[in-house]
Amino acid sequence: MRSAMALSAVVAIISATSAHALESSVTARSPLPPDELWSKVANFCAISAWDPAVERCELSADGMQRIIVIFGGVGSVVGKLETRDNTNRSYSWMSVSALLPVQNYRGTVSVMADGQASTLTWTASYEAKGVADAEAKKFIDDAIRRALCFNSPLVCTDDRSPLAPAEVVEFPGLSLTSKPLSLRGYLRRPDGTGPFPAVVLLHGCDGSPEPLDQLWGTRIAGWGYATLTIDRFGPRGLKNTCLPGRAPKDMAFDAYQALNFLAQQPFIDAMRIAAVGFSQGGWLSLSSVERGTVEQVSRNKFRAAAAFYPPCLAVQGPMTVPTLILIGENDDWTPAEACRKLVAGEDDLGVSRQKAGGTPMQLVVYPDAYHAFDLPSLQRPVTYFGHHVEFNKRASEQSSDALREFLRSMVQDR
């Protein structure tokens, strides 16, 4: 369901009409026909599929009240449905209780036709409570933009180009419990018959593989690689693992399960497959190729690995294949300094890292760049789990060039 909800959007924030009546709005463009998009968002608890900060949504028996539970034990938000118009594809609600610096909050979600496609608009009106109007408006602006645009299935970019859907595949997972695990992935292949080099893509802790497939899967496939973006959360019934202790230990094997699946495909060159991950997925790509049990027990091996803004403190090394790390200097979630120490082989927090005997790592640090610097949907920064996330055009373009050259030299060329 979530993969069908990918949106290409233009974000527009409507300024306050007065010091007391404030309004915010986000309008997003979708390739889906309006009725199909409405079927995905009409449920009053559908926000749980949009917002990566929402742990779960509980709907009353009559469908008129929802309780949104926020990750991290922050609290819950109660909303009451006021109107629903299925003919015109809209509904409105009011907040009964909320963790917000506002009062009298009312919101509306509406879907309209846009040629063969559609647009979704979320508007909110409210009054500041205990803070200045400007602060209240910024809070709501950020909350709506984060819900729709930060690594959620609703991708917000200025690019209106239609995207060809990826092929959805399933392959065996490795479970540390008695319950069988079948993983899901989004497969893309370049034109031609192959055999192609390939890239396994690993998403971050918010658990939405679709935006990664649409942004990097399509881009890397355009470079001549097959790509397989793993959905490691959906099959496990997870939504988010951004808090410590939330990530299941058997996720460490997912990259190799994807590698084994690709190696069996006749259009893939099993000797030329790389792992590329982002944030928590960057940690998984690095841990997949560091010297240790996971790498040693796998029959198939990765040719190379790359990681965008990974938590380098979680990686010990040394690496068994060429590795590239790309990170922002201003990253306050996964600090660049930890990656510098990893690459230098220095000890950190009592962890012994041996530089000798491993394959050299390449580190690129981008000045003035924050976490998630490659996401065009973050043209305006937001705060997520207490951390600053923001798009940086220069860092995004330079990192794309760096990854392309790295893959060409390590994977594409033989």
Protein backbone atom coordinates (compact mmCIF):
# COMPACT_ATOMS: atom_id res chain seq x y z
CA MET A 1 0.00 0.00 0.00
CA ARG A 2 2.71 2.44 0.92
CA SER A 3 4.64 2.01 -2.32
CA ALA A 4 1.57 3.15 -4.26
CA MET A 5 1.53 6.40 -2.33
CA ALA A 6 4.76 7.87 -3.65
CA LEU A 7 4.26 11.55 -4.30
CA SER A 8 6.17 14.16 -6.27
CA ALA A 9 5.45 17.48 -4.61
CA VAL A 10 5.81 21.20 -4.45
CA VAL A 11 5.75 22.42 -0.84
CA ALA A 12 3.99 25.73 -0.27
CA ILE A 13 3.58 27.25 3.17
CA ILE A 14 0.78 29.80 3.43
CA SER A 15 1.65 32.76 5.63
CA ALA A 16 -0.39 33.69 8.68
CA THR A 17 -3.41 35.86 8.01
CA SER A 18 -3.19 37.62 11.35
CA ALA A 19 -1.39 37.53 14.66
CA HIS A 20 -4.06 35.19 16.05
CA ALA A 21 -5.36 33.15 13.09
CA LEU A 22 -2.50 31.11 11.69
CA GLU A 23 -2.62 28.74 8.74
CA SER A 24 -0.20 26.25 7.19
CA SER A 25 -0.58 24.18 4.05
CA VAL A 26 1.36 21.56 2.09
CA THR A 27 0.28 20.59 -1.43
CA ALA A 28 1.76 17.45 -2.98
CA ARG A 29 1.44 16.02 -6.47
CA SER A 30 0.84 12.28 -6.96
CA PRO A 31 1.03 10.12 -10.11
CA LEU A 32 -2.00 8.16 -8.88
CA PRO A 33 -5.51 8.90 -10.16
CA PRO A 34 -7.43 10.87 -7.51
CA ASP A 35 -9.81 8.06 -6.54
CA GLU A 36 -6.91 5.64 -6.05
CA LEU A 37 -4.96 8.13 -3.97
CA TRP A 38 -8.07 8.88 -1.90
CA SER A 39 -8.50 5.17 -1.19
CA LYS A 40 -5.02 5.22 0.37
CA VAL A 41 -5.48 8.28 2.56
CA ALA A 42 -9.19 8.39 3.37
CA ASN A 43 -8.93 6.35 6.55
CA PHE A 44 -8.65 8.64 9.57
CA CYS A 45 -5.65 6.59 10.77
CA ALA A 46 -3.87 6.56 7.40
CA ILE A 47 -1.35 9.05 8.79
CA SER A 48 0.45 6.10 10.35
CA ALA A 49 1.57 5.22 6.80
CA TRP A 50 2.78 8.77 6.11
CA ASP A 51 4.57 10.07 9.15
CA PRO A 52 7.75 8.23 10.22
CA ALA A 53 7.43 9.79 13.69
CA VAL A 54 4.09 8.01 14.30
CA GLU A 55 4.51 4.67 16.04
CA ARG A 56 0.88 3.67 15.66
CA CYS A 57 -2.62 5.07 15.27
CA GLU A 58 -5.59 3.70 17.21
CA LEU A 59 -9.05 4.30 15.75
CA SER A 60 -12.26 4.22 17.76
CA ALA A 61 -14.94 1.68 16.86
CA ASP A 62 -17.08 4.32 15.16
CA GLY A 63 -14.09 5.73 13.24
CA MET A 64 -14.64 9.20 14.67
CA GLN A 65 -11.64 9.48 17.00
CA ARG A 66 -7.98 8.58 16.61
CA ILE A 67 -5.10 8.40 19.05
CA ILE A 68 -1.71 8.93 17.43
CA VAL A 69 1.17 7.51 19.49
CA ILE A 70 4.51 9.21 18.85
CA PHE A 71 7.78 7.27 18.87
CA GLY A 72 10.09 7.59 21.83
CA GLY A 73 7.45 7.72 24.53
CA VAL A 74 6.87 11.40 23.75
CA GLY A 75 3.14 11.03 24.18
CA SER A 76 -0.03 10.85 22.11
CA VAL A 77 -2.25 13.15 20.10
CA VAL A 78 -6.05 12.78 20.10
CA GLY A 79 -8.08 13.96 17.14
CA LYS A 80 -11.82 14.00 16.45
CA LEU A 81 -13.20 13.65 12.92
CA GLU A 82 -15.52 16.55 12.12
CA THR A 83 -16.48 16.14 8.45
CA ARG A 84 -15.93 13.63 5.66
CA ASP A 85 -16.84 14.15 2.01
CA ASN A 86 -15.99 11.06 -0.05
CA THR A 87 -17.48 12.61 -3.19
CA ASN A 88 -15.09 15.54 -3.04
CA ARG A 89 -12.37 13.41 -1.39
CA SER A 90 -11.73 15.34 1.82
CA TYR A 91 -12.04 15.12 5.58
CA SER A 92 -11.48 17.55 8.46
CA TRP A 93 -10.68 17.06 12.11
CA MET A 94 -9.93 18.94 15.30
CA SER A 95 -7.31 18.17 17.94
CA VAL A 96 -8.88 17.25 21.25
CA SER A 97 -5.50 17.03 22.98
CA ALA A 98 -2.06 17.51 21.50
CA LEU A 99 1.61 17.96 22.33
CA LEU A 100 1.61 21.24 20.45
CA PRO A 101 2.27 24.91 21.28
CA VAL A 102 -1.09 25.74 19.67
CA GLN A 103 -4.79 25.62 20.44
CA ASN A 104 -7.99 25.37 18.41
CA TYR A 105 -6.16 23.26 15.83
CA ARG A 106 -8.23 22.12 12.89
CA GLY A 107 -6.85 20.22 9.91
CA THR A 108 -8.11 19.16 6.49
CA VAL A 109 -6.80 16.57 4.05
CA SER A 110 -8.12 16.76 0.50
CA VAL A 111 -7.38 15.07 -2.81
CA MET A 112 -8.05 16.68 -6.19
CA ALA A 113 -7.57 15.67 -9.80
CA ASP A 114 -4.56 17.03 -11.66
CA GLY A 115 -4.93 15.79 -15.22
CA GLN A 116 -4.51 12.01 -15.07
CA ALA A 117 -2.75 12.38 -11.71
CA SER A 118 -3.79 14.07 -8.46
CA THR A 119 -2.76 16.43 -5.69
CA LEU A 120 -3.03 16.02 -1.94
CA THR A 121 -3.33 19.09 0.27
CA TRP A 122 -3.03 19.19 4.06
CA THR A 123 -4.09 22.50 5.61
CA ALA A 124 -4.22 23.50 9.26
CA SER A 125 -5.59 26.51 11.11
CA TYR A 126 -4.69 27.21 14.73
CA GLU A 127 -3.74 29.79 17.34
CA ALA A 128 -0.46 30.08 19.21
CA LYS A 129 -0.46 28.84 22.81
CA GLY A 130 2.28 30.00 25.17
CA VAL A 131 4.65 30.96 22.35
CA ALA A 132 4.93 33.70 19.74
CA ASP A 133 2.94 33.31 16.53
CA ALA A 134 6.11 32.85 14.48
CA GLU A 135 7.31 30.01 16.72
CA ALA A 136 3.93 28.27 16.63
CA LYS A 137 3.74 28.53 12.85
CA LYS A 138 7.26 27.16 12.40
CA PHE A 139 6.37 24.21 14.64
CA ILE A 140 3.27 23.32 12.62
CA ASP A 141 4.96 23.98 9.27
CA ASP A 142 7.77 21.61 10.24
CA ALA A 143 5.38 18.97 11.58
CA ILE A 144 3.34 18.82 8.37
CA ARG A 145 6.37 18.91 6.12
CA ARG A 146 8.08 16.19 8.16
CA ALA A 147 4.97 14.00 8.07
CA LEU A 148 4.67 14.17 4.29
CA CYS A 149 8.21 14.75 3.08
CA PHE A 150 10.89 13.19 5.29
CA ASN A 151 11.53 9.64 4.08
CA SER A 152 7.85 8.81 4.20
CA PRO A 153 6.10 7.08 1.29
CA LEU A 154 4.84 10.55 0.30
CA VAL A 155 7.91 11.86 -1.51
CA CYS A 156 8.01 15.63 -1.91
CA THR A 157 10.25 16.96 -4.69
CA ASP A 158 10.05 19.52 -7.46
CA ASP A 159 10.59 16.81 -10.08
CA ARG A 160 7.31 16.03 -11.82
CA SER A 161 8.80 13.37 -14.10
CA PRO A 162 6.83 10.11 -13.91
CA LEU A 163 8.71 7.19 -12.40
CA ALA A 164 8.46 3.68 -13.76
CA PRO A 165 7.42 1.31 -10.95
CA ALA A 166 10.02 -1.09 -9.62
CA GLU A 167 9.47 -4.84 -9.68
CA VAL A 168 8.46 -6.02 -6.21
CA VAL A 169 10.26 -9.26 -5.31
CA GLU A 170 10.43 -11.51 -2.28
CA PHE A 171 13.37 -13.54 -1.04
CA PRO A 172 14.18 -15.56 2.09
CA GLY A 173 15.30 -13.73 5.20
CA LEU A 174 17.36 -15.11 8.03
CA SER A 175 15.44 -15.06 11.31
CA LEU A 176 16.92 -15.56 14.77
CA THR A 177 13.49 -16.70 15.98
CA SER A 178 11.45 -19.75 15.10
CA LYS A 179 9.18 -17.65 12.87
CA PRO A 180 10.07 -17.84 9.13
CA LEU A 181 10.99 -14.53 7.52
CA SER A 182 10.43 -13.51 3.91
CA LEU A 183 11.96 -10.19 2.92
CA ARG A 184 10.63 -7.85 0.23
CA GLY A 185 12.56 -5.66 -2.18
CA TYR A 186 12.20 -3.22 -5.08
CA LEU A 187 14.17 -4.42 -8.08
CA ARG A 188 15.25 -2.28 -11.03
CA ARG A 189 17.38 -3.29 -13.96
CA PRO A 190 18.97 -1.25 -16.75
CA ASP A 191 18.20 -1.72 -20.41
CA GLY A 192 19.80 -4.76 -22.02
CA THR A 193 20.23 -8.41 -21.17
CA GLY A 194 23.21 -8.29 -18.81
CA PRO A 195 24.78 -9.75 -16.87
CA PHE A 196 24.78 -6.46 -14.94
CA PRO A 197 26.68 -5.29 -11.91
CA ALA A 198 24.29 -4.65 -9.05
CA VAL A 199 23.77 -2.53 -5.92
CA VAL A 200 21.89 -3.52 -2.77
CA LEU A 201 20.31 -0.41 -1.22
CA LEU A 202 19.62 -0.17 2.53
CA HIS A 203 17.23 2.45 3.93
CA GLY A 204 17.46 4.35 7.20
CA CYS A 205 15.83 3.81 10.58
CA ASP A 206 12.48 5.32 9.60
CA GLY A 207 11.62 2.28 7.56
CA SER A 208 10.45 3.59 4.18
CA PRO A 209 12.26 1.92 1.27
CA GLU A 210 10.14 3.51 -1.48
CA PRO A 211 11.74 6.98 -1.44
CA LEU A 212 15.20 5.39 -1.50
CA ASP A 213 14.24 3.26 -4.49
CA GLN A 214 12.73 6.26 -6.28
CA LEU A 215 15.67 8.57 -5.61
CA TRP A 216 18.76 6.36 -5.66
CA GLY A 217 17.41 3.16 -7.21
CA THR A 218 16.35 4.93 -10.39
CA ARG A 219 19.55 7.02 -10.45
CA ILE A 220 21.93 4.08 -10.03
CA ALA A 221 19.96 1.97 -12.51
CA GLY A 222 20.50 4.82 -14.97
CA TRP A 223 24.24 4.34 -14.48
CA GLY A 224 23.98 0.76 -15.74
CA TYR A 225 23.44 -1.24 -12.53
CA ALA A 226 20.61 -3.40 -11.33
CA THR A 227 19.39 -2.19 -7.94
CA LEU A 228 17.57 -4.00 -5.15
CA THR A 229 16.18 -1.80 -2.35
CA ILE A 230 15.39 -3.92 0.70
CA ASP A 231 12.21 -3.40 2.71
CA ARG A 232 13.48 -4.84 5.97
CA PHE A 233 10.73 -3.37 8.17
CA GLY A 234 7.45 -4.22 6.42
CA PRO A 235 7.93 -8.01 6.57
CA ARG A 236 8.87 -7.71 10.26
CA GLY A 237 5.88 -5.51 11.10
CA LEU A 238 8.17 -2.64 12.09
CA LYS A 239 7.68 1.08 11.46
CA ASN A 240 10.73 2.75 12.95
CA THR A 241 13.96 1.74 14.71
CA CYS A 242 15.48 5.17 15.29
CA LEU A 243 15.61 4.71 19.05
CA PRO A 244 18.37 2.59 20.66
CA GLY A 245 17.52 -1.09 20.99
CA ARG A 246 14.74 -1.06 18.39
CA ALA A 247 16.66 -2.78 15.56
CA PRO A 248 16.31 -6.60 15.49
CA LYS A 249 19.70 -8.33 15.47
CA ASP A 250 18.83 -10.47 12.46
CA MET A 251 18.71 -7.33 10.26
CA ALA A 252 22.50 -7.69 10.09
CA PHE A 253 21.97 -10.58 7.66
CA ASP A 254 19.52 -8.80 5.32
CA ALA A 255 22.14 -7.38 2.96
CA TYR A 256 23.58 -10.85 2.39
CA GLN A 257 20.14 -12.36 1.87
CA ALA A 258 19.61 -9.76 -0.86
CA LEU A 259 23.08 -10.49 -2.24
CA ASN A 260 22.28 -14.21 -2.41
CA PHE A 261 19.00 -13.48 -4.19
CA LEU A 262 20.73 -11.31 -6.79
CA ALA A 263 23.53 -13.82 -7.30
CA GLN A 264 20.93 -16.38 -8.42
CA GLN A 265 19.50 -14.14 -11.15
CA PRO A 266 20.79 -14.88 -14.67
CA PHE A 267 20.96 -11.16 -15.55
CA ILE A 268 23.29 -10.37 -12.59
CA ASP A 269 27.06 -10.73 -12.39
CA ALA A 270 27.41 -12.21 -8.90
CA MET A 271 31.03 -11.09 -8.67
CA ARG A 272 30.14 -7.40 -9.09
CA ILE A 273 27.63 -6.50 -6.38
CA ALA A 274 28.02 -3.60 -3.92
CA ALA A 275 26.14 -2.57 -0.77
CA VAL A 276 25.09 1.08 -0.38
CA GLY A 277 23.29 2.27 2.74
CA PHE A 278 21.96 5.47 4.29
CA SER A 279 22.09 6.37 7.99
CA GLN A 280 21.20 3.14 9.81
CA GLY A 281 21.38 1.45 6.41
CA GLY A 282 24.89 2.89 6.09
CA TRP A 283 25.83 1.12 9.31
CA LEU A 284 24.41 -2.12 7.87
CA SER A 285 26.37 -1.72 4.63
CA LEU A 286 29.60 -1.17 6.58
CA SER A 287 28.95 -3.98 9.04
CA SER A 288 28.25 -6.29 6.10
CA VAL A 289 31.81 -5.93 4.87
CA GLU A 290 33.76 -5.55 8.10
CA ARG A 291 35.77 -8.54 9.19
CA GLY A 292 33.53 -10.71 11.34
CA THR A 293 31.07 -13.57 11.51
CA VAL A 294 28.43 -12.14 9.17
CA GLU A 295 30.90 -11.60 6.33
CA GLN A 296 32.80 -14.84 6.90
CA VAL A 297 29.82 -17.21 6.85
CA SER A 298 28.37 -15.86 3.61
CA ARG A 299 28.98 -17.87 0.47
CA ASN A 300 28.67 -14.80 -1.76
CA LYS A 301 30.71 -11.68 -1.08
CA PHE A 302 30.20 -7.98 -1.77
CA ARG A 303 32.70 -6.36 -4.13
CA ALA A 304 32.51 -2.96 -2.39
CA ALA A 305 30.42 -0.92 0.06
CA ALA A 306 29.41 2.72 0.48
CA ALA A 307 27.68 4.47 3.36
CA PHE A 308 25.94 7.85 3.51
CA TYR A 309 26.07 9.49 6.95
CA PRO A 310 26.42 6.20 8.90
CA PRO A 311 26.80 5.91 12.70
CA CYS A 312 30.51 5.12 12.58
CA LEU A 313 30.68 4.56 16.34
CA ALA A 314 28.79 1.31 15.74
CA VAL A 315 31.42 -0.02 13.32
CA GLN A 316 34.67 -1.59 14.49
CA GLY A 317 36.37 -2.69 11.27
CA PRO A 318 38.64 -3.50 9.60
CA MET A 319 36.95 -3.71 6.19
CA THR A 320 37.34 -6.62 3.80
CA VAL A 321 36.56 -4.71 0.59
CA PRO A 322 36.98 -1.11 -0.64
CA THR A 323 34.65 1.17 1.30
CA LEU A 324 33.43 4.76 0.80
CA ILE A 325 31.89 6.93 3.54
CA LEU A 326 30.07 10.19 2.70
CA ILE A 327 29.00 12.47 5.56
CA GLY A 328 28.26 16.10 6.42
CA GLU A 329 30.53 18.14 8.66
CA ASN A 330 27.53 19.53 10.59
CA ASP A 331 25.82 16.17 11.12
CA ASP A 332 24.58 16.14 14.74
CA TRP A 333 23.05 12.65 14.52
CA THR A 334 25.96 10.60 13.15
CA PRO A 335 28.99 12.83 13.74
CA ALA A 336 31.69 13.06 11.09
CA GLU A 337 34.42 12.90 13.75
CA ALA A 338 33.50 9.31 14.57
CA CYS A 339 33.97 8.40 10.89
CA ARG A 340 37.33 10.16 10.83
CA LYS A 341 38.45 8.00 13.75
CA LEU A 342 37.12 4.86 12.09
CA VAL A 343 39.03 5.56 8.89
CA ALA A 344 42.17 6.49 10.85
CA GLY A 345 41.96 3.29 12.89
CA GLU A 346 41.86 5.21 16.15
CA ASP A 347 40.26 3.92 19.34
CA ASP A 348 36.97 5.48 20.45
CA LEU A 349 35.12 4.83 23.69
CA GLY A 350 37.36 1.90 24.46
CA VAL A 351 36.70 0.13 21.14
CA SER A 352 39.90 -1.14 19.55
CA ARG A 353 40.10 -0.56 15.84
CA GLN A 354 42.98 -2.04 13.91
CA LYS A 355 43.84 -0.10 10.81
CA ALA A 356 46.45 -2.59 9.65
CA GLY A 357 45.32 -5.68 7.78
CA GLY A 358 42.11 -4.22 6.37
CA THR A 359 41.20 -2.70 3.03
CA PRO A 360 41.67 1.11 2.98
CA MET A 361 38.54 3.21 3.49
CA GLN A 362 37.80 6.47 1.71
CA LEU A 363 36.07 9.27 3.64
CA VAL A 364 34.48 12.38 2.13
CA VAL A 365 33.21 15.09 4.51
CA TYR A 366 31.03 17.85 3.05
CA PRO A 367 31.27 21.30 4.67
CA ASP A 368 28.02 22.90 5.90
CA ALA A 369 26.08 19.67 5.29
CA TYR A 370 23.77 17.98 7.80
CA HIS A 371 22.20 14.55 8.11
CA ALA A 372 20.09 13.51 5.10
CA PHE A 373 21.85 16.05 2.87
CA ASP A 374 20.87 14.07 -0.24
CA LEU A 375 17.08 14.33 0.19
CA PRO A 376 15.55 17.02 -2.08
CA SER A 377 12.35 16.89 -0.02
CA LEU A 378 14.22 18.68 2.79
CA GLN A 379 14.73 21.96 0.95
CA ARG A 380 13.52 23.50 4.19
CA PRO A 381 15.11 21.80 7.22
CA VAL A 382 13.15 19.97 9.88
CA THR A 383 13.96 18.48 13.28
CA TYR A 384 13.58 14.71 13.52
CA PHE A 385 14.12 12.83 16.78
CA GLY A 386 15.90 15.93 18.04
CA HIS A 387 18.33 16.14 15.11
CA HIS A 388 18.69 18.65 12.28
CA VAL A 389 18.04 17.17 8.82
CA GLU A 390 18.42 19.30 5.70
CA PHE A 391 19.05 19.00 1.97
CA ASN A 392 22.33 20.42 0.64
CA LYS A 393 22.38 20.70 -3.15
CA ARG A 394 26.15 20.90 -3.49
CA ALA A 395 26.80 17.98 -1.16
CA SER A 396 24.06 15.95 -2.85
CA GLU A 397 25.51 16.48 -6.32
CA GLN A 398 29.08 15.89 -5.21
CA SER A 399 28.17 12.74 -3.30
CA SER A 400 26.32 11.40 -6.34
CA ASP A 401 29.41 11.98 -8.48
CA ALA A 402 31.62 10.40 -5.82
CA LEU A 403 29.43 7.31 -5.55
CA ARG A 404 29.22 6.92 -9.31
CA GLU A 405 33.00 7.08 -9.68
CA PHE A 406 33.50 4.71 -6.75
CA LEU A 407 31.10 2.14 -8.20
CA ARG A 408 32.65 2.51 -11.65
CA SER A 409 36.15 1.85 -10.37
CA MET A 410 35.25 -0.87 -7.88
CA VAL A 411 32.26 -2.66 -9.37
CA GLN A 412 31.56 -1.75 -12.97
CA ASP A 413 35.11 -2.05 -14.28
CA ARG A 414 36.76 -5.47 -14.16
